[in-house]
Structure formats: C-alpha cells, structure tokens
Amino acid sequence: MEVFKALSNEARLQILAWLKDPQAHFVPQEGADLSEIGVCVTQITAKLNMTQSTASQYLSVLQRAGLVQATRLGKWTFYRRDEEAIQQVAAYLQREL
C-alpha cells in the first residue's frame, strides 16, 4: 500500500504533522489562507532544512499516496492535508489492527 510507504519516513510524517495545524507552523504567503489553499513548498522546504528537490520529492510521495493535495497558483505550489483520506487510513488501521 502506497500510504504505508509514504508514512515510513520521519520527514514525511513531520510534514503531515505541520500541515495538520498550518497556522501554528507557517506564516501565510501573500494573503493566502493556509487552511484553504495550503502551505507553499518553499516554506515547507525551509522548515525541513533540506533542498527543495528533496522536499518536493517527499511531497510528491505524500501526494501519490493521497495524503496531501497540491494547488498550483502561478509559480507557487501549495500543499494541504487530505483529511478525508487520512481518516480512511486511521479507520483501516483501527479496523484491521
């Protein structure tokens, strides 16, 4: 299952934790609503203290697993959690384990 591969990395787990409450961890970029549009990849990159290519790769894995959604606005890409998908994973774990 792609979801479990995505969750097997500490940095990806950290990204999901930050995106759970983006207002507590990030500053809105140019008036963007963090809870609606998400967090810009450059802010996530800075917080991870990694290269943008590595951060983008982690976000891509999370997106392919269906755990985050990406929105492109101009040259910026914003990410936010897919809460419904995360709840489905939690329900699966609770039911099966």
N, C-alpha and C. Protein backbone atom coordinates (compact mmCIF):
# COMPACT_ATOMS: atom_id res chain seq x y z
N MET A 1 0.84 -1.18 0.00
CA MET A 1 0.00 0.00 0.00
C MET A 1 0.89 1.25 0.00
N GLU A 2 0.67 2.12 -0.95
CA GLU A 2 1.46 3.35 -1.12
C GLU A 2 1.43 4.23 0.12
N VAL A 3 0.31 4.20 0.84
CA VAL A 3 0.16 5.04 2.03
C VAL A 3 1.21 4.68 3.08
N PHE A 4 1.40 3.40 3.31
CA PHE A 4 2.34 3.00 4.35
C PHE A 4 3.78 3.31 3.98
N LYS A 5 4.09 3.23 2.70
CA LYS A 5 5.42 3.65 2.25
C LYS A 5 5.61 5.14 2.53
N ALA A 6 4.59 5.93 2.25
CA ALA A 6 4.67 7.37 2.49
C ALA A 6 4.84 7.69 3.96
N LEU A 7 4.22 6.90 4.81
CA LEU A 7 4.28 7.14 6.26
C LEU A 7 5.52 6.56 6.92
N SER A 8 6.37 5.89 6.14
CA SER A 8 7.54 5.23 6.71
C SER A 8 8.75 6.15 6.87
N ASN A 9 8.60 7.42 6.51
CA ASN A 9 9.71 8.36 6.56
C ASN A 9 9.41 9.45 7.59
N GLU A 10 10.35 9.70 8.47
CA GLU A 10 10.15 10.67 9.55
C GLU A 10 9.88 12.08 9.03
N ALA A 11 10.56 12.49 7.99
CA ALA A 11 10.34 13.84 7.44
C ALA A 11 8.94 13.97 6.86
N ARG A 12 8.46 12.93 6.18
CA ARG A 12 7.10 12.98 5.62
C ARG A 12 6.07 13.01 6.74
N LEU A 13 6.31 12.27 7.81
CA LEU A 13 5.41 12.33 8.97
C LEU A 13 5.41 13.73 9.57
N GLN A 14 6.58 14.35 9.62
CA GLN A 14 6.68 15.71 10.15
C GLN A 14 5.90 16.69 9.29
N ILE A 15 5.99 16.55 7.98
CA ILE A 15 5.23 17.42 7.08
C ILE A 15 3.74 17.28 7.37
N LEU A 16 3.25 16.05 7.49
CA LEU A 16 1.83 15.84 7.78
C LEU A 16 1.44 16.45 9.13
N ALA A 17 2.32 16.35 10.11
CA ALA A 17 2.03 16.95 11.42
C ALA A 17 1.95 18.47 11.31
N TRP A 18 2.89 19.09 10.59
CA TRP A 18 2.85 20.54 10.41
C TRP A 18 1.60 20.97 9.67
N LEU A 19 1.21 20.20 8.64
CA LEU A 19 0.05 20.58 7.84
C LEU A 19 -1.27 20.34 8.58
N LYS A 20 -1.22 19.60 9.67
CA LYS A 20 -2.43 19.40 10.48
C LYS A 20 -2.88 20.73 11.07
N ASP A 21 -1.94 21.57 11.46
CA ASP A 21 -2.24 22.88 12.02
C ASP A 21 -1.28 23.90 11.39
N PRO A 22 -1.52 24.24 10.13
CA PRO A 22 -0.55 25.10 9.42
C PRO A 22 -0.39 26.48 10.03
N GLN A 23 -1.44 27.03 10.64
CA GLN A 23 -1.34 28.35 11.24
C GLN A 23 -0.32 28.38 12.39
N ALA A 24 -0.14 27.25 13.06
CA ALA A 24 0.80 27.18 14.17
C ALA A 24 2.25 27.04 13.70
N HIS A 25 2.44 26.62 12.45
CA HIS A 25 3.80 26.30 11.98
C HIS A 25 4.30 27.15 10.82
N PHE A 26 3.39 27.85 10.14
CA PHE A 26 3.77 28.61 8.95
C PHE A 26 3.10 29.98 8.95
N VAL A 27 3.71 30.90 8.22
CA VAL A 27 3.15 32.24 8.03
C VAL A 27 2.47 32.26 6.67
N PRO A 28 1.25 32.80 6.57
CA PRO A 28 0.58 32.85 5.26
C PRO A 28 1.42 33.61 4.24
N GLN A 29 1.42 33.12 3.02
CA GLN A 29 2.19 33.76 1.94
C GLN A 29 1.26 34.65 1.13
N GLU A 30 1.57 35.93 1.10
CA GLU A 30 0.84 36.90 0.29
C GLU A 30 -0.66 36.77 0.46
N GLY A 31 -1.12 36.71 1.71
CA GLY A 31 -2.54 36.69 1.99
C GLY A 31 -3.24 35.37 1.74
N ALA A 32 -2.51 34.32 1.40
CA ALA A 32 -3.14 33.01 1.15
C ALA A 32 -3.62 32.43 2.47
N ASP A 33 -4.81 31.87 2.46
CA ASP A 33 -5.37 31.23 3.65
C ASP A 33 -4.77 29.83 3.78
N LEU A 34 -3.98 29.63 4.81
CA LEU A 34 -3.27 28.36 4.99
C LEU A 34 -4.22 27.17 5.08
N SER A 35 -5.36 27.35 5.72
CA SER A 35 -6.27 26.21 5.88
C SER A 35 -7.03 25.90 4.60
N GLU A 36 -7.19 26.89 3.73
CA GLU A 36 -7.91 26.69 2.47
C GLU A 36 -6.98 26.27 1.34
N ILE A 37 -5.93 27.02 1.13
CA ILE A 37 -5.06 26.79 -0.03
C ILE A 37 -3.89 25.89 0.32
N GLY A 38 -3.41 25.97 1.54
CA GLY A 38 -2.29 25.16 1.97
C GLY A 38 -1.03 25.98 2.19
N VAL A 39 0.08 25.29 2.24
CA VAL A 39 1.37 25.89 2.55
C VAL A 39 2.27 25.76 1.33
N CYS A 40 2.96 26.82 1.01
CA CYS A 40 3.86 26.84 -0.15
C CYS A 40 5.04 25.89 0.07
N VAL A 41 5.42 25.22 -0.98
CA VAL A 41 6.52 24.26 -0.90
C VAL A 41 7.80 24.93 -0.40
N THR A 42 8.01 26.20 -0.71
CA THR A 42 9.23 26.87 -0.24
C THR A 42 9.25 26.99 1.28
N GLN A 43 8.10 27.19 1.89
CA GLN A 43 8.05 27.27 3.36
C GLN A 43 8.31 25.90 3.99
N ILE A 44 7.77 24.86 3.38
CA ILE A 44 8.00 23.51 3.88
C ILE A 44 9.47 23.15 3.74
N THR A 45 10.06 23.51 2.60
CA THR A 45 11.48 23.26 2.37
C THR A 45 12.34 23.92 3.43
N ALA A 46 12.05 25.19 3.73
CA ALA A 46 12.83 25.93 4.73
C ALA A 46 12.70 25.29 6.11
N LYS A 47 11.49 24.87 6.46
CA LYS A 47 11.26 24.28 7.77
C LYS A 47 11.94 22.91 7.89
N LEU A 48 12.00 22.17 6.79
CA LEU A 48 12.68 20.87 6.80
C LEU A 48 14.20 21.01 6.84
N ASN A 49 14.68 22.18 6.41
CA ASN A 49 16.12 22.42 6.30
C ASN A 49 16.75 21.41 5.34
N MET A 50 16.09 21.24 4.18
CA MET A 50 16.55 20.34 3.14
C MET A 50 16.53 21.09 1.82
N THR A 51 17.05 20.46 0.80
CA THR A 51 16.98 21.06 -0.54
C THR A 51 15.54 21.02 -1.03
N GLN A 52 15.24 21.92 -1.96
CA GLN A 52 13.88 21.95 -2.49
C GLN A 52 13.56 20.66 -3.25
N SER A 53 14.54 20.09 -3.91
CA SER A 53 14.28 18.85 -4.65
C SER A 53 13.90 17.70 -3.71
N THR A 54 14.57 17.61 -2.57
CA THR A 54 14.24 16.57 -1.59
C THR A 54 12.86 16.80 -1.00
N ALA A 55 12.57 18.04 -0.60
CA ALA A 55 11.25 18.35 -0.05
C ALA A 55 10.16 18.08 -1.08
N SER A 56 10.40 18.46 -2.32
CA SER A 56 9.42 18.23 -3.39
C SER A 56 9.20 16.73 -3.60
N GLN A 57 10.26 15.96 -3.51
CA GLN A 57 10.14 14.51 -3.65
C GLN A 57 9.28 13.94 -2.52
N TYR A 58 9.52 14.39 -1.28
CA TYR A 58 8.70 13.93 -0.15
C TYR A 58 7.24 14.30 -0.34
N LEU A 59 6.99 15.52 -0.78
CA LEU A 59 5.61 15.97 -1.00
C LEU A 59 4.96 15.19 -2.13
N SER A 60 5.73 14.85 -3.14
CA SER A 60 5.21 14.05 -4.25
C SER A 60 4.80 12.66 -3.78
N VAL A 61 5.59 12.05 -2.93
CA VAL A 61 5.25 10.74 -2.37
C VAL A 61 3.95 10.84 -1.57
N LEU A 62 3.82 11.88 -0.76
CA LEU A 62 2.60 12.08 0.03
C LEU A 62 1.40 12.30 -0.88
N GLN A 63 1.60 13.03 -1.97
CA GLN A 63 0.51 13.30 -2.90
C GLN A 63 0.10 12.02 -3.63
N ARG A 64 1.05 11.23 -4.10
CA ARG A 64 0.73 9.97 -4.78
C ARG A 64 -0.02 9.02 -3.85
N ALA A 65 0.29 9.07 -2.57
CA ALA A 65 -0.38 8.23 -1.58
C ALA A 65 -1.77 8.77 -1.24
N GLY A 66 -2.08 9.97 -1.72
CA GLY A 66 -3.39 10.56 -1.48
C GLY A 66 -3.52 11.26 -0.14
N LEU A 67 -2.39 11.51 0.53
CA LEU A 67 -2.44 12.11 1.87
C LEU A 67 -2.41 13.64 1.84
N VAL A 68 -1.92 14.22 0.76
CA VAL A 68 -1.93 15.67 0.60
C VAL A 68 -2.47 16.02 -0.78
N GLN A 69 -2.97 17.24 -0.88
CA GLN A 69 -3.45 17.77 -2.14
C GLN A 69 -2.59 18.98 -2.50
N ALA A 70 -2.30 19.12 -3.78
CA ALA A 70 -1.49 20.24 -4.26
C ALA A 70 -2.36 21.18 -5.07
N THR A 71 -2.12 22.48 -4.89
CA THR A 71 -2.79 23.52 -5.67
C THR A 71 -1.72 24.42 -6.24
N ARG A 72 -1.76 24.62 -7.54
CA ARG A 72 -0.77 25.47 -8.21
C ARG A 72 -1.39 26.84 -8.45
N LEU A 73 -0.72 27.88 -7.97
CA LEU A 73 -1.13 29.27 -8.20
C LEU A 73 0.07 30.01 -8.77
N GLY A 74 0.02 30.28 -10.07
CA GLY A 74 1.16 30.92 -10.72
C GLY A 74 2.37 30.02 -10.64
N LYS A 75 3.46 30.56 -10.11
CA LYS A 75 4.68 29.75 -10.00
C LYS A 75 4.78 29.01 -8.66
N TRP A 76 3.79 29.17 -7.80
CA TRP A 76 3.82 28.57 -6.47
C TRP A 76 2.94 27.32 -6.42
N THR A 77 3.39 26.32 -5.67
CA THR A 77 2.59 25.13 -5.40
C THR A 77 2.35 25.08 -3.90
N PHE A 78 1.08 24.94 -3.53
CA PHE A 78 0.67 24.90 -2.14
C PHE A 78 0.15 23.50 -1.81
N TYR A 79 0.47 23.02 -0.61
CA TYR A 79 0.06 21.69 -0.17
C TYR A 79 -0.77 21.78 1.09
N ARG A 80 -1.78 20.91 1.14
CA ARG A 80 -2.58 20.76 2.36
C ARG A 80 -2.94 19.30 2.53
N ARG A 81 -3.25 18.93 3.75
CA ARG A 81 -3.61 17.55 4.04
C ARG A 81 -4.96 17.21 3.43
N ASP A 82 -5.11 15.96 3.02
CA ASP A 82 -6.41 15.45 2.61
C ASP A 82 -6.98 14.73 3.84
N GLU A 83 -7.76 15.47 4.61
CA GLU A 83 -8.25 14.95 5.89
C GLU A 83 -9.12 13.72 5.72
N GLU A 84 -9.91 13.67 4.65
CA GLU A 84 -10.77 12.50 4.42
C GLU A 84 -9.93 11.25 4.20
N ALA A 85 -8.88 11.37 3.40
CA ALA A 85 -8.00 10.23 3.15
C ALA A 85 -7.29 9.79 4.42
N ILE A 86 -6.87 10.73 5.22
CA ILE A 86 -6.18 10.40 6.48
C ILE A 86 -7.15 9.70 7.43
N GLN A 87 -8.39 10.13 7.47
CA GLN A 87 -9.39 9.46 8.31
C GLN A 87 -9.66 8.04 7.82
N GLN A 88 -9.63 7.83 6.51
CA GLN A 88 -9.83 6.48 5.96
C GLN A 88 -8.68 5.56 6.36
N VAL A 89 -7.45 6.09 6.35
CA VAL A 89 -6.29 5.30 6.77
C VAL A 89 -6.42 4.95 8.26
N ALA A 90 -6.81 5.93 9.06
CA ALA A 90 -6.98 5.70 10.51
C ALA A 90 -8.06 4.65 10.76
N ALA A 91 -9.16 4.73 10.01
CA ALA A 91 -10.25 3.77 10.17
C ALA A 91 -9.78 2.37 9.78
N TYR A 92 -9.03 2.29 8.69
CA TYR A 92 -8.49 1.00 8.24
C TYR A 92 -7.61 0.38 9.33
N LEU A 93 -6.71 1.18 9.89
CA LEU A 93 -5.81 0.68 10.93
C LEU A 93 -6.59 0.22 12.15
N GLN A 94 -7.58 0.99 12.54
CA GLN A 94 -8.37 0.64 13.70
C GLN A 94 -9.16 -0.65 13.46
N ARG A 95 -9.68 -0.79 12.26
CA ARG A 95 -10.49 -1.95 11.91
C ARG A 95 -9.63 -3.22 11.77
N GLU A 96 -8.48 -3.08 11.12
CA GLU A 96 -7.68 -4.24 10.77
C GLU A 96 -6.63 -4.63 11.81
N LEU A 97 -6.18 -3.68 12.59
CA LEU A 97 -5.13 -4.00 13.57
C LEU A 97 -5.72 -4.00 14.94
